[in-house]
Full PDB file with SEQRES, HELIX, SHEET, SSBOND, CRYST1, ORIGX, SCALE, CONECT and MASTER records, all heavy atoms in Angstrom:
SEQRES   1 A   43  ALA TYR ALA ASN ARG ARG GLU ASN ALA LEU THR ILE PHE          
SEQRES   2 A   43  GLN ASN ASP SER ASP LYS SER PHE PHE VAL GLY HIS GLY          
SEQRES   3 A   43  ALA ILE LYS GLU GLU GLN CYS ARG TYR ILE LYS GLY SER          
SEQRES   4 A   43  GLY VAL ASP LEU                                              
HELIX    1 AA1 ASP A   16  GLY A   24  1                                   9    
HELIX    2 AA2 GLU A   30  GLN A   32  5                                   3    
SHEET    1 AA1 2 THR A  11  PHE A  13  0                                        
SHEET    2 AA1 2 CYS A  33  TYR A  35  1                                        
CRYST1    1.000    1.000    1.000  90.00  90.00  90.00 P 1           1          
ORIGX1      1.000000  0.000000  0.000000        0.00000                         
ORIGX2      0.000000  1.000000  0.000000        0.00000                         
ORIGX3      0.000000  0.000000  1.000000        0.00000                         
SCALE1      1.000000  0.000000  0.000000        0.00000                         
SCALE2      0.000000  1.000000  0.000000        0.00000                         
SCALE3      0.000000  0.000000  1.000000        0.00000                         
ATOM      1  N   ALA A   1      -0.273 -15.023 -14.515  1.00  0.00           N  
ATOM      2  CA  ALA A   1      -1.252 -15.708 -15.358  1.00  0.00           C  
ATOM      3  C   ALA A   1      -2.328 -16.382 -14.506  1.00  0.00           C  
ATOM      4  O   ALA A   1      -3.526 -16.292 -14.817  1.00  0.00           O  
ATOM      5  CB  ALA A   1      -0.549 -16.745 -16.233  1.00  0.00           C  
ATOM      6  N   TYR A   2      -1.920 -17.040 -13.428  1.00  0.00           N  
ATOM      7  CA  TYR A   2      -2.886 -17.692 -12.534  1.00  0.00           C  
ATOM      8  C   TYR A   2      -3.820 -16.658 -11.910  1.00  0.00           C  
ATOM      9  O   TYR A   2      -5.050 -16.852 -11.872  1.00  0.00           O  
ATOM     10  CB  TYR A   2      -2.144 -18.461 -11.445  1.00  0.00           C  
ATOM     11  CG  TYR A   2      -3.045 -18.960 -10.343  1.00  0.00           C  
ATOM     12  CD1 TYR A   2      -3.851 -20.077 -10.529  1.00  0.00           C  
ATOM     13  CD2 TYR A   2      -3.088 -18.299  -9.110  1.00  0.00           C  
ATOM     14  CE1 TYR A   2      -4.691 -20.526  -9.513  1.00  0.00           C  
ATOM     15  CE2 TYR A   2      -3.913 -18.746  -8.098  1.00  0.00           C  
ATOM     16  CZ  TYR A   2      -4.726 -19.850  -8.295  1.00  0.00           C  
ATOM     17  OH  TYR A   2      -5.562 -20.286  -7.293  1.00  0.00           O  
ATOM     18  N   ALA A   3      -3.264 -15.552 -11.417  1.00  0.00           N  
ATOM     19  CA  ALA A   3      -4.072 -14.527 -10.750  1.00  0.00           C  
ATOM     20  C   ALA A   3      -5.078 -13.885 -11.694  1.00  0.00           C  
ATOM     21  O   ALA A   3      -6.144 -13.428 -11.265  1.00  0.00           O  
ATOM     22  CB  ALA A   3      -3.164 -13.461 -10.154  1.00  0.00           C  
ATOM     23  N   ASN A   4      -4.760 -13.861 -12.985  1.00  0.00           N  
ATOM     24  CA  ASN A   4      -5.635 -13.197 -13.953  1.00  0.00           C  
ATOM     25  C   ASN A   4      -6.616 -14.149 -14.635  1.00  0.00           C  
ATOM     26  O   ASN A   4      -7.397 -13.710 -15.479  1.00  0.00           O  
ATOM     27  CB  ASN A   4      -4.791 -12.467 -15.004  1.00  0.00           C  
ATOM     28  CG  ASN A   4      -4.288 -11.142 -14.493  1.00  0.00           C  
ATOM     29  OD1 ASN A   4      -4.983 -10.132 -14.525  1.00  0.00           O  
ATOM     30  ND2 ASN A   4      -3.047 -11.136 -13.989  1.00  0.00           N  
ATOM     31  N   ARG A   5      -6.584 -15.427 -14.279  1.00  0.00           N  
ATOM     32  CA  ARG A   5      -7.574 -16.365 -14.822  1.00  0.00           C  
ATOM     33  C   ARG A   5      -8.846 -16.273 -13.989  1.00  0.00           C  
ATOM     34  O   ARG A   5      -9.131 -17.106 -13.126  1.00  0.00           O  
ATOM     35  CB  ARG A   5      -7.022 -17.789 -14.841  1.00  0.00           C  
ATOM     36  CG  ARG A   5      -6.048 -18.044 -15.979  1.00  0.00           C  
ATOM     37  CD  ARG A   5      -5.910 -19.532 -16.274  1.00  0.00           C  
ATOM     38  NE  ARG A   5      -5.336 -20.268 -15.167  1.00  0.00           N  
ATOM     39  CZ  ARG A   5      -4.034 -20.483 -14.991  1.00  0.00           C  
ATOM     40  NH1 ARG A   5      -3.160 -20.000 -15.866  1.00  0.00           N  
ATOM     41  NH2 ARG A   5      -3.607 -21.173 -13.946  1.00  0.00           N  
ATOM     42  N   ARG A   6      -9.579 -15.202 -14.202  1.00  0.00           N  
ATOM     43  CA  ARG A   6     -10.792 -14.935 -13.442  1.00  0.00           C  
ATOM     44  C   ARG A   6     -11.561 -13.819 -14.125  1.00  0.00           C  
ATOM     45  O   ARG A   6     -11.030 -13.102 -14.980  1.00  0.00           O  
ATOM     46  CB  ARG A   6     -10.456 -14.511 -12.006  1.00  0.00           C  
ATOM     47  CG  ARG A   6      -9.440 -13.390 -11.906  1.00  0.00           C  
ATOM     48  CD  ARG A   6      -9.451 -12.697 -10.569  1.00  0.00           C  
ATOM     49  NE  ARG A   6     -10.700 -11.954 -10.405  1.00  0.00           N  
ATOM     50  CZ  ARG A   6     -11.085 -11.402  -9.251  1.00  0.00           C  
ATOM     51  NH1 ARG A   6     -10.330 -11.526  -8.191  1.00  0.00           N  
ATOM     52  NH2 ARG A   6     -12.213 -10.735  -9.172  1.00  0.00           N  
ATOM     53  N   GLU A   7     -12.812 -13.660 -13.750  1.00  0.00           N  
ATOM     54  CA  GLU A   7     -13.585 -12.533 -14.232  1.00  0.00           C  
ATOM     55  C   GLU A   7     -13.253 -11.296 -13.405  1.00  0.00           C  
ATOM     56  O   GLU A   7     -12.729 -11.381 -12.294  1.00  0.00           O  
ATOM     57  CB  GLU A   7     -15.087 -12.835 -14.130  1.00  0.00           C  
ATOM     58  CG  GLU A   7     -15.554 -13.958 -15.053  1.00  0.00           C  
ATOM     59  CD  GLU A   7     -17.047 -14.186 -14.964  1.00  0.00           C  
ATOM     60  OE1 GLU A   7     -17.705 -13.548 -14.117  1.00  0.00           O  
ATOM     61  OE2 GLU A   7     -17.552 -15.019 -15.741  1.00  0.00           O  
ATOM     62  N   ASN A   8     -13.592 -10.134 -13.952  1.00  0.00           N  
ATOM     63  CA  ASN A   8     -13.433  -8.864 -13.240  1.00  0.00           C  
ATOM     64  C   ASN A   8     -11.990  -8.587 -12.820  1.00  0.00           C  
ATOM     65  O   ASN A   8     -11.724  -8.109 -11.714  1.00  0.00           O  
ATOM     66  CB  ASN A   8     -14.347  -8.801 -12.014  1.00  0.00           C  
ATOM     67  CG  ASN A   8     -15.716  -8.249 -12.368  1.00  0.00           C  
ATOM     68  OD1 ASN A   8     -16.095  -8.225 -13.534  1.00  0.00           O  
ATOM     69  ND2 ASN A   8     -16.466  -7.803 -11.371  1.00  0.00           N  
ATOM     70  N   ALA A   9     -11.040  -8.906 -13.690  1.00  0.00           N  
ATOM     71  CA  ALA A   9      -9.643  -8.540 -13.473  1.00  0.00           C  
ATOM     72  C   ALA A   9      -9.135  -7.855 -14.739  1.00  0.00           C  
ATOM     73  O   ALA A   9      -9.114  -8.462 -15.809  1.00  0.00           O  
ATOM     74  CB  ALA A   9      -8.794  -9.767 -13.145  1.00  0.00           C  
ATOM     75  N   LEU A  10      -8.752  -6.606 -14.608  1.00  0.00           N  
ATOM     76  CA  LEU A  10      -8.265  -5.825 -15.743  1.00  0.00           C  
ATOM     77  C   LEU A  10      -6.882  -5.269 -15.417  1.00  0.00           C  
ATOM     78  O   LEU A  10      -6.549  -5.036 -14.243  1.00  0.00           O  
ATOM     79  CB  LEU A  10      -9.226  -4.671 -16.050  1.00  0.00           C  
ATOM     80  CG  LEU A  10     -10.663  -5.055 -16.418  1.00  0.00           C  
ATOM     81  CD1 LEU A  10     -11.527  -3.809 -16.553  1.00  0.00           C  
ATOM     82  CD2 LEU A  10     -10.695  -5.871 -17.703  1.00  0.00           C  
ATOM     83  N   THR A  11      -6.081  -5.053 -16.443  1.00  0.00           N  
ATOM     84  CA  THR A  11      -4.738  -4.502 -16.263  1.00  0.00           C  
ATOM     85  C   THR A  11      -4.562  -3.266 -17.123  1.00  0.00           C  
ATOM     86  O   THR A  11      -4.858  -3.286 -18.317  1.00  0.00           O  
ATOM     87  CB  THR A  11      -3.658  -5.543 -16.620  1.00  0.00           C  
ATOM     88  OG1 THR A  11      -3.806  -6.679 -15.765  1.00  0.00           O  
ATOM     89  CG2 THR A  11      -2.264  -4.959 -16.434  1.00  0.00           C  
ATOM     90  N   ILE A  12      -4.077  -2.196 -16.487  1.00  0.00           N  
ATOM     91  CA  ILE A  12      -3.803  -0.946 -17.190  1.00  0.00           C  
ATOM     92  C   ILE A  12      -2.328  -0.903 -17.556  1.00  0.00           C  
ATOM     93  O   ILE A  12      -1.456  -1.034 -16.688  1.00  0.00           O  
ATOM     94  CB  ILE A  12      -4.145   0.278 -16.322  1.00  0.00           C  
ATOM     95  CG1 ILE A  12      -5.634   0.281 -15.947  1.00  0.00           C  
ATOM     96  CG2 ILE A  12      -3.773   1.573 -17.045  1.00  0.00           C  
ATOM     97  CD1 ILE A  12      -5.998   1.340 -14.924  1.00  0.00           C  
ATOM     98  N   PHE A  13      -2.037  -0.700 -18.832  1.00  0.00           N  
ATOM     99  CA  PHE A  13      -0.665  -0.500 -19.299  1.00  0.00           C  
ATOM    100  C   PHE A  13      -0.497   0.946 -19.752  1.00  0.00           C  
ATOM    101  O   PHE A  13      -1.444   1.570 -20.245  1.00  0.00           O  
ATOM    102  CB  PHE A  13      -0.349  -1.453 -20.447  1.00  0.00           C  
ATOM    103  CG  PHE A  13      -0.277  -2.897 -20.036  1.00  0.00           C  
ATOM    104  CD1 PHE A  13      -1.363  -3.741 -20.241  1.00  0.00           C  
ATOM    105  CD2 PHE A  13       0.854  -3.400 -19.418  1.00  0.00           C  
ATOM    106  CE1 PHE A  13      -1.313  -5.073 -19.856  1.00  0.00           C  
ATOM    107  CE2 PHE A  13       0.918  -4.734 -19.027  1.00  0.00           C  
ATOM    108  CZ  PHE A  13      -0.171  -5.572 -19.247  1.00  0.00           C  
ATOM    109  N   GLN A  14       0.727   1.451 -19.605  1.00  0.00           N  
ATOM    110  CA  GLN A  14       1.021   2.818 -20.019  1.00  0.00           C  
ATOM    111  C   GLN A  14       1.677   2.883 -21.392  1.00  0.00           C  
ATOM    112  O   GLN A  14       1.762   3.955 -21.977  1.00  0.00           O  
ATOM    113  CB  GLN A  14       1.914   3.507 -18.981  1.00  0.00           C  
ATOM    114  CG  GLN A  14       1.238   3.682 -17.629  1.00  0.00           C  
ATOM    115  CD  GLN A  14       2.031   4.550 -16.684  1.00  0.00           C  
ATOM    116  OE1 GLN A  14       3.154   4.970 -16.966  1.00  0.00           O  
ATOM    117  NE2 GLN A  14       1.474   4.831 -15.529  1.00  0.00           N  
ATOM    118  N   ASN A  15       2.149   1.743 -21.883  1.00  0.00           N  
ATOM    119  CA  ASN A  15       2.760   1.731 -23.216  1.00  0.00           C  
ATOM    120  C   ASN A  15       2.536   0.368 -23.859  1.00  0.00           C  
ATOM    121  O   ASN A  15       2.267  -0.631 -23.185  1.00  0.00           O  
ATOM    122  CB  ASN A  15       4.255   2.082 -23.152  1.00  0.00           C  
ATOM    123  CG  ASN A  15       5.041   1.096 -22.297  1.00  0.00           C  
ATOM    124  OD1 ASN A  15       5.200  -0.062 -22.665  1.00  0.00           O  
ATOM    125  ND2 ASN A  15       5.529   1.554 -21.147  1.00  0.00           N  
ATOM    126  N   ASP A  16       2.644   0.338 -25.178  1.00  0.00           N  
ATOM    127  CA  ASP A  16       2.367  -0.889 -25.933  1.00  0.00           C  
ATOM    128  C   ASP A  16       3.409  -1.970 -25.694  1.00  0.00           C  
ATOM    129  O   ASP A  16       3.098  -3.174 -25.764  1.00  0.00           O  
ATOM    130  CB  ASP A  16       2.298  -0.576 -27.433  1.00  0.00           C  
ATOM    131  CG  ASP A  16       1.055   0.216 -27.799  1.00  0.00           C  
ATOM    132  OD1 ASP A  16       0.018   0.022 -27.128  1.00  0.00           O  
ATOM    133  OD2 ASP A  16       1.114   1.023 -28.742  1.00  0.00           O  
ATOM    134  N   SER A  17       4.652  -1.600 -25.424  1.00  0.00           N  
ATOM    135  CA  SER A  17       5.713  -2.589 -25.234  1.00  0.00           C  
ATOM    136  C   SER A  17       5.443  -3.482 -24.030  1.00  0.00           C  
ATOM    137  O   SER A  17       5.616  -4.709 -24.089  1.00  0.00           O  
ATOM    138  CB  SER A  17       7.071  -1.889 -25.070  1.00  0.00           C  
ATOM    139  OG  SER A  17       7.414  -1.178 -26.239  1.00  0.00           O  
ATOM    140  N   ASP A  18       5.022  -2.875 -22.905  1.00  0.00           N  
ATOM    141  CA  ASP A  18       4.737  -3.661 -21.705  1.00  0.00           C  
ATOM    142  C   ASP A  18       3.536  -4.579 -21.933  1.00  0.00           C  
ATOM    143  O   ASP A  18       3.537  -5.740 -21.509  1.00  0.00           O  
ATOM    144  CB  ASP A  18       4.474  -2.731 -20.525  1.00  0.00           C  
ATOM    145  CG  ASP A  18       5.733  -2.012 -20.054  1.00  0.00           C  
ATOM    146  OD1 ASP A  18       6.828  -2.372 -20.517  1.00  0.00           O  
ATOM    147  OD2 ASP A  18       5.609  -1.082 -19.234  1.00  0.00           O  
ATOM    148  N   LYS A  19       2.507  -4.050 -22.590  1.00  0.00           N  
ATOM    149  CA  LYS A  19       1.333  -4.879 -22.867  1.00  0.00           C  
ATOM    150  C   LYS A  19       1.721  -6.083 -23.736  1.00  0.00           C  
ATOM    151  O   LYS A  19       1.332  -7.222 -23.451  1.00  0.00           O  
ATOM    152  CB  LYS A  19       0.247  -4.060 -23.569  1.00  0.00           C  
ATOM    153  CG  LYS A  19      -1.064  -4.810 -23.722  1.00  0.00           C  
ATOM    154  CD  LYS A  19      -2.038  -4.098 -24.636  1.00  0.00           C  
ATOM    155  CE  LYS A  19      -1.798  -4.485 -26.075  1.00  0.00           C  
ATOM    156  NZ  LYS A  19      -2.899  -4.107 -26.988  1.00  0.00           N  
ATOM    157  N   SER A  20       2.503  -5.832 -24.787  1.00  0.00           N  
ATOM    158  CA  SER A  20       2.911  -6.907 -25.688  1.00  0.00           C  
ATOM    159  C   SER A  20       3.725  -7.966 -24.953  1.00  0.00           C  
ATOM    160  O   SER A  20       3.614  -9.163 -25.245  1.00  0.00           O  
ATOM    161  CB  SER A  20       3.731  -6.338 -26.848  1.00  0.00           C  
ATOM    162  OG  SER A  20       2.949  -5.451 -27.621  1.00  0.00           O  
ATOM    163  N   PHE A  21       4.529  -7.541 -23.984  1.00  0.00           N  
ATOM    164  CA  PHE A  21       5.343  -8.476 -23.211  1.00  0.00           C  
ATOM    165  C   PHE A  21       4.461  -9.448 -22.436  1.00  0.00           C  
ATOM    166  O   PHE A  21       4.638 -10.665 -22.508  1.00  0.00           O  
ATOM    167  CB  PHE A  21       6.258  -7.701 -22.260  1.00  0.00           C  
ATOM    168  CG  PHE A  21       7.076  -8.576 -21.358  1.00  0.00           C  
ATOM    169  CD1 PHE A  21       8.222  -9.194 -21.817  1.00  0.00           C  
ATOM    170  CD2 PHE A  21       6.694  -8.782 -20.044  1.00  0.00           C  
ATOM    171  CE1 PHE A  21       8.973 -10.015 -20.989  1.00  0.00           C  
ATOM    172  CE2 PHE A  21       7.429  -9.594 -19.206  1.00  0.00           C  
ATOM    173  CZ  PHE A  21       8.579 -10.211 -19.680  1.00  0.00           C  
ATOM    174  N   PHE A  22       3.491  -8.919 -21.689  1.00  0.00           N  
ATOM    175  CA  PHE A  22       2.641  -9.777 -20.863  1.00  0.00           C  
ATOM    176  C   PHE A  22       1.701 -10.629 -21.717  1.00  0.00           C  
ATOM    177  O   PHE A  22       1.504 -11.816 -21.430  1.00  0.00           O  
ATOM    178  CB  PHE A  22       1.842  -8.932 -19.873  1.00  0.00           C  
ATOM    179  CG  PHE A  22       2.617  -8.551 -18.647  1.00  0.00           C  
ATOM    180  CD1 PHE A  22       3.288  -7.347 -18.576  1.00  0.00           C  
ATOM    181  CD2 PHE A  22       2.683  -9.418 -17.565  1.00  0.00           C  
ATOM    182  CE1 PHE A  22       4.016  -7.001 -17.447  1.00  0.00           C  
ATOM    183  CE2 PHE A  22       3.408  -9.082 -16.428  1.00  0.00           C  
ATOM    184  CZ  PHE A  22       4.079  -7.874 -16.372  1.00  0.00           C  
ATOM    185  N   VAL A  23       1.122 -10.039 -22.751  1.00  0.00           N  
ATOM    186  CA  VAL A  23       0.227 -10.793 -23.617  1.00  0.00           C  
ATOM    187  C   VAL A  23       1.013 -11.871 -24.368  1.00  0.00           C  
ATOM    188  O   VAL A  23       0.583 -13.017 -24.492  1.00  0.00           O  
ATOM    189  CB  VAL A  23      -0.514  -9.862 -24.601  1.00  0.00           C  
ATOM    190  CG1 VAL A  23      -1.299 -10.674 -25.631  1.00  0.00           C  
ATOM    191  CG2 VAL A  23      -1.449  -8.931 -23.842  1.00  0.00           C  
ATOM    192  N   GLY A  24       2.193 -11.506 -24.853  1.00  0.00           N  
ATOM    193  CA  GLY A  24       3.017 -12.442 -25.610  1.00  0.00           C  
ATOM    194  C   GLY A  24       3.463 -13.644 -24.809  1.00  0.00           C  
ATOM    195  O   GLY A  24       3.664 -14.735 -25.360  1.00  0.00           O  
ATOM    196  N   HIS A  25       3.623 -13.473 -23.479  1.00  0.00           N  
ATOM    197  CA  HIS A  25       4.030 -14.584 -22.619  1.00  0.00           C  
ATOM    198  C   HIS A  25       2.830 -15.299 -22.002  1.00  0.00           C  
ATOM    199  O   HIS A  25       3.007 -16.164 -21.120  1.00  0.00           O  
ATOM    200  CB  HIS A  25       4.970 -14.090 -21.517  1.00  0.00           C  
ATOM    201  CG  HIS A  25       6.364 -13.822 -21.997  1.00  0.00           C  
ATOM    202  ND1 HIS A  25       6.757 -12.609 -22.504  1.00  0.00           N  
ATOM    203  CD2 HIS A  25       7.453 -14.640 -22.090  1.00  0.00           C  
ATOM    204  CE1 HIS A  25       8.029 -12.673 -22.871  1.00  0.00           C  
ATOM    205  NE2 HIS A  25       8.474 -13.888 -22.633  1.00  0.00           N  
ATOM    206  N   GLY A  26       1.629 -14.936 -22.441  1.00  0.00           N  
ATOM    207  CA  GLY A  26       0.437 -15.631 -21.974  1.00  0.00           C  
ATOM    208  C   GLY A  26       0.038 -15.325 -20.549  1.00  0.00           C  
ATOM    209  O   GLY A  26      -0.759 -16.052 -19.948  1.00  0.00           O  
ATOM    210  N   ALA A  27       0.590 -14.242 -19.967  1.00  0.00           N  
ATOM    211  CA  ALA A  27       0.276 -13.910 -18.582  1.00  0.00           C  
ATOM    212  C   ALA A  27      -1.058 -13.175 -18.453  1.00  0.00           C  
ATOM    213  O   ALA A  27      -1.736 -13.284 -17.422  1.00  0.00           O  
ATOM    214  CB  ALA A  27       1.394 -13.061 -17.975  1.00  0.00           C  
ATOM    215  N   ILE A  28      -1.433 -12.413 -19.480  1.00  0.00           N  
ATOM    216  CA  ILE A  28      -2.672 -11.645 -19.470  1.00  0.00           C  
ATOM    217  C   ILE A  28      -3.301 -11.751 -20.859  1.00  0.00           C  
ATOM    218  O   ILE A  28      -2.592 -11.685 -21.872  1.00  0.00           O  
ATOM    219  CB  ILE A  28      -2.398 -10.162 -19.118  1.00  0.00           C  
ATOM    220  CG1 ILE A  28      -1.774 -10.044 -17.726  1.00  0.00           C  
ATOM    221  CG2 ILE A  28      -3.695  -9.340 -19.168  1.00  0.00           C  
ATOM    222  CD1 ILE A  28      -1.293  -8.653 -17.372  1.00  0.00           C  
ATOM    223  N   LYS A  29      -4.615 -11.893 -20.903  1.00  0.00           N  
ATOM    224  CA  LYS A  29      -5.305 -11.954 -22.173  1.00  0.00           C  
ATOM    225  C   LYS A  29      -5.502 -10.551 -22.750  1.00  0.00           C  
ATOM    226  O   LYS A  29      -5.664  -9.594 -22.017  1.00  0.00           O  
ATOM    227  CB  LYS A  29      -6.663 -12.643 -22.003  1.00  0.00           C  
ATOM    228  CG  LYS A  29      -6.565 -14.108 -21.610  1.00  0.00           C  
ATOM    229  CD  LYS A  29      -7.950 -14.715 -21.447  1.00  0.00           C  
ATOM    230  CE  LYS A  29      -7.870 -16.193 -21.053  1.00  0.00           C  
ATOM    231  NZ  LYS A  29      -9.214 -16.775 -20.854  1.00  0.00           N  
ATOM    232  N   GLU A  30      -5.513 -10.485 -24.066  1.00  0.00           N  
ATOM    233  CA  GLU A  30      -5.679  -9.207 -24.754  1.00  0.00           C  
ATOM    234  C   GLU A  30      -6.928  -8.470 -24.270  1.00  0.00           C  
ATOM    235  O   GLU A  30      -6.909  -7.254 -24.064  1.00  0.00           O  
ATOM    236  CB  GLU A  30      -5.762  -9.447 -26.267  1.00  0.00           C  
ATOM    237  CG  GLU A  30      -5.935  -8.202 -27.102  1.00  0.00           C  
ATOM    238  CD  GLU A  30      -4.649  -7.420 -27.284  1.00  0.00           C  
ATOM    239  OE1 GLU A  30      -3.574  -8.047 -27.353  1.00  0.00           O  
ATOM    240  OE2 GLU A  30      -4.730  -6.175 -27.348  1.00  0.00           O  
ATOM    241  N   GLU A  31      -8.025  -9.212 -24.069  1.00  0.00           N  
ATOM    242  CA  GLU A  31      -9.286  -8.570 -23.691  1.00  0.00           C  
ATOM    243  C   GLU A  31      -9.283  -8.035 -22.259  1.00  0.00           C  
ATOM    244  O   GLU A  31     -10.182  -7.289 -21.863  1.00  0.00           O  
ATOM    245  CB  GLU A  31     -10.465  -9.530 -23.880  1.00  0.00           C  
ATOM    246  CG  GLU A  31     -10.362 -10.830 -23.121  1.00  0.00           C  
ATOM    247  CD  GLU A  31      -9.738 -11.946 -23.941  1.00  0.00           C  
ATOM    248  OE1 GLU A  31      -8.941 -11.635 -24.861  1.00  0.00           O  
ATOM    249  OE2 GLU A  31     -10.021 -13.123 -23.657  1.00  0.00           O  
ATOM    250  N   GLN A  32      -8.268  -8.407 -21.485  1.00  0.00           N  
ATOM    251  CA  GLN A  32      -8.153  -7.896 -20.114  1.00  0.00           C  
ATOM    252  C   GLN A  32      -7.317  -6.625 -20.038  1.00  0.00           C  
ATOM    253  O   GLN A  32      -7.177  -6.037 -18.965  1.00  0.00           O  
ATOM    254  CB  GLN A  32      -7.514  -8.955 -19.205  1.00  0.00           C  
ATOM    255  CG  GLN A  32      -8.368 -10.180 -18.969  1.00  0.00           C  
ATOM    256  CD  GLN A  32      -7.645 -11.205 -18.107  1.00  0.00           C  
ATOM    257  OE1 GLN A  32      -6.586 -11.726 -18.488  1.00  0.00           O  
ATOM    258  NE2 GLN A  32      -8.185 -11.486 -16.937  1.00  0.00           N  
ATOM    259  N   CYS A  33      -6.757  -6.193 -21.150  1.00  0.00           N  
ATOM    260  CA  CYS A  33      -5.830  -5.058 -21.156  1.00  0.00           C  
ATOM    261  C   CYS A  33      -6.555  -3.742 -21.432  1.00  0.00           C  
ATOM    262  O   CYS A  33      -7.434  -3.666 -22.285  1.00  0.00           O  
ATOM    263  CB  CYS A  33      -4.745  -5.263 -22.209  1.00  0.00           C  
ATOM    264  SG  CYS A  33      -3.753  -6.747 -21.958  1.00  0.00           S  
ATOM    265  N   ARG A  34      -6.144  -2.711 -20.725  1.00  0.00           N  
ATOM    266  CA  ARG A  34      -6.603  -1.351 -20.972  1.00  0.00           C  
ATOM    267  C   ARG A  34      -5.377  -0.453 -21.081  1.00  0.00           C  
ATOM    268  O   ARG A  34      -4.305  -0.780 -20.580  1.00  0.00           O  
ATOM    269  CB  ARG A  34      -7.533  -0.865 -19.851  1.00  0.00           C  
ATOM    270  CG  ARG A  34      -8.789  -1.731 -19.656  1.00  0.00           C  
ATOM    271  CD  ARG A  34      -9.705  -1.691 -20.855  1.00  0.00           C  
ATOM    272  NE  ARG A  34     -10.901  -2.519 -20.672  1.00  0.00           N  
ATOM    273  CZ  ARG A  34     -11.000  -3.788 -21.045  1.00  0.00           C  
ATOM    274  NH1 ARG A  34      -9.950  -4.387 -21.605  1.00  0.00           N  
ATOM    275  NH2 ARG A  34     -12.105  -4.460 -20.854  1.00  0.00           N  
ATOM    276  N   TYR A  35      -5.533   0.703 -21.720  1.00  0.00           N  
ATOM    277  CA  TYR A  35      -4.376   1.561 -22.026  1.00  0.00           C  
ATOM    278  C   TYR A  35      -4.639   2.984 -21.541  1.00  0.00           C  
ATOM    279  O   TYR A  35      -5.629   3.609 -21.935  1.00  0.00           O  
ATOM    280  CB  TYR A  35      -4.140   1.553 -23.541  1.00  0.00           C  
ATOM    281  CG  TYR A  35      -2.962   2.362 -24.016  1.00  0.00           C  
ATOM    282  CD1 TYR A  35      -1.674   2.096 -23.564  1.00  0.00           C  
ATOM    283  CD2 TYR A  35      -3.127   3.398 -24.937  1.00  0.00           C  
ATOM    284  CE1 TYR A  35      -0.588   2.826 -24.007  1.00  0.00           C  
ATOM    285  CE2 TYR A  35      -2.043   4.133 -25.394  1.00  0.00           C  
ATOM    286  CZ  TYR A  35      -0.775   3.838 -24.922  1.00  0.00           C  
ATOM    287  OH  TYR A  35       0.295   4.573 -25.368  1.00  0.00           O  
ATOM    288  N   ILE A  36      -3.792   3.469 -20.642  1.00  0.00           N  
ATOM    289  CA  ILE A  36      -3.832   4.861 -20.189  1.00  0.00           C  
ATOM    290  C   ILE A  36      -2.398   5.379 -20.213  1.00  0.00           C  
ATOM    291  O   ILE A  36      -1.531   4.832 -19.542  1.00  0.00           O  
ATOM    292  CB  ILE A  36      -4.426   5.007 -18.775  1.00  0.00           C  
ATOM    293  CG1 ILE A  36      -5.862   4.469 -18.747  1.00  0.00           C  
ATOM    294  CG2 ILE A  36      -4.411   6.460 -18.338  1.00  0.00           C  
ATOM    295  CD1 ILE A  36      -6.517   4.521 -17.375  1.00  0.00           C  
ATOM    296  N   LYS A  37      -2.166   6.428 -20.960  1.00  0.00           N  
ATOM    297  CA  LYS A  37      -0.814   6.903 -21.239  1.00  0.00           C  
ATOM    298  C   LYS A  37      -0.272   7.757 -20.088  1.00  0.00           C  
ATOM    299  O   LYS A  37      -0.263   8.978 -20.130  1.00  0.00           O  
ATOM    300  CB  LYS A  37      -0.832   7.703 -22.548  1.00  0.00           C  
ATOM    301  CG  LYS A  37       0.521   7.888 -23.194  1.00  0.00           C  
ATOM    302  CD  LYS A  37       0.351   8.531 -24.559  1.00  0.00           C  
ATOM    303  CE  LYS A  37       1.672   8.756 -25.258  1.00  0.00           C  
ATOM    304  NZ  LYS A  37       1.510   9.360 -26.584  1.00  0.00           N  
ATOM    305  N   GLY A  38       0.144   7.085 -19.021  1.00  0.00           N  
ATOM    306  CA  GLY A  38       0.715   7.787 -17.883  1.00  0.00           C  
ATOM    307  C   GLY A  38      -0.325   8.170 -16.855  1.00  0.00           C  
ATOM    308  O   GLY A  38      -1.514   7.882 -16.984  1.00  0.00           O  
ATOM    309  N   SER A  39       0.129   8.845 -15.799  1.00  0.00           N  
ATOM    310  CA  SER A  39      -0.757   9.227 -14.700  1.00  0.00           C  
ATOM    311  C   SER A  39      -1.330  10.623 -14.869  1.00  0.00           C  
ATOM    312  O   SER A  39      -2.102  11.083 -14.034  1.00  0.00           O  
ATOM    313  CB  SER A  39      -0.009   9.126 -13.362  1.00  0.00           C  
ATOM    314  OG  SER A  39       1.203   9.851 -13.417  1.00  0.00           O  
ATOM    315  N   GLY A  40      -0.953  11.303 -15.951  1.00  0.00           N  
ATOM    316  CA  GLY A  40      -1.565  12.591 -16.262  1.00  0.00           C  
ATOM    317  C   GLY A  40      -0.940  13.762 -15.519  1.00  0.00           C  
ATOM    318  O   GLY A  40      -0.132  13.604 -14.602  1.00  0.00           O  
ATOM    319  N   VAL A  41      -1.332  14.955 -15.924  1.00  0.00           N  
ATOM    320  CA  VAL A  41      -0.837  16.179 -15.301  1.00  0.00           C  
ATOM    321  C   VAL A  41      -1.976  17.189 -15.257  1.00  0.00           C  
ATOM    322  O   VAL A  41      -2.798  17.263 -16.171  1.00  0.00           O  
ATOM    323  CB  VAL A  41       0.375  16.750 -16.080  1.00  0.00           C  
ATOM    324  CG1 VAL A  41       0.004  17.112 -17.513  1.00  0.00           C  
ATOM    325  CG2 VAL A  41       0.991  17.942 -15.359  1.00  0.00           C  
ATOM    326  N   ASP A  42      -2.037  17.945 -14.185  1.00  0.00           N  
ATOM    327  CA  ASP A  42      -3.029  19.015 -14.047  1.00  0.00           C  
ATOM    328  C   ASP A  42      -2.562  20.197 -14.893  1.00  0.00           C  
ATOM    329  O   ASP A  42      -1.588  20.875 -14.550  1.00  0.00           O  
ATOM    330  CB  ASP A  42      -3.153  19.420 -12.577  1.00  0.00           C  
ATOM    331  CG  ASP A  42      -4.271  20.406 -12.325  1.00  0.00           C  
ATOM    332  OD1 ASP A  42      -4.537  21.246 -13.224  1.00  0.00           O  
ATOM    333  OD2 ASP A  42      -4.863  20.370 -11.242  1.00  0.00           O  
ATOM    334  N   LEU A  43      -3.242  20.436 -15.995  1.00  0.00           N  
ATOM    335  CA  LEU A  43      -2.786  21.446 -16.960  1.00  0.00           C  
ATOM    336  C   LEU A  43      -2.935  22.874 -16.444  1.00  0.00           C  
ATOM    337  O   LEU A  43      -2.279  23.790 -16.954  1.00  0.00           O  
ATOM    338  CB  LEU A  43      -3.551  21.290 -18.275  1.00  0.00           C  
ATOM    339  CG  LEU A  43      -3.285  19.979 -19.028  1.00  0.00           C  
ATOM    340  CD1 LEU A  43      -4.215  19.856 -20.229  1.00  0.00           C  
ATOM    341  CD2 LEU A  43      -1.830  19.889 -19.478  1.00  0.00           C  
TER     342      LEU A  43                                                      
MASTER        0    0    0    2    2    0    0    6  341    1    0    4          
END                                                                             
C-alpha cells in the first residue's frame, strides 16, 4: 500500500480474485489496476 501511494504506478492482474484481494485490503486502488489474462501464447 505504501509503495503504491504515488503517481505512475500500475498493477497488472491475471484474474479477478487476486485483484479483489489487493483492492479489498486497501493495498492497491481500483484505478491502479489493469487486467491481462496470462502471459499469452504464440498461436
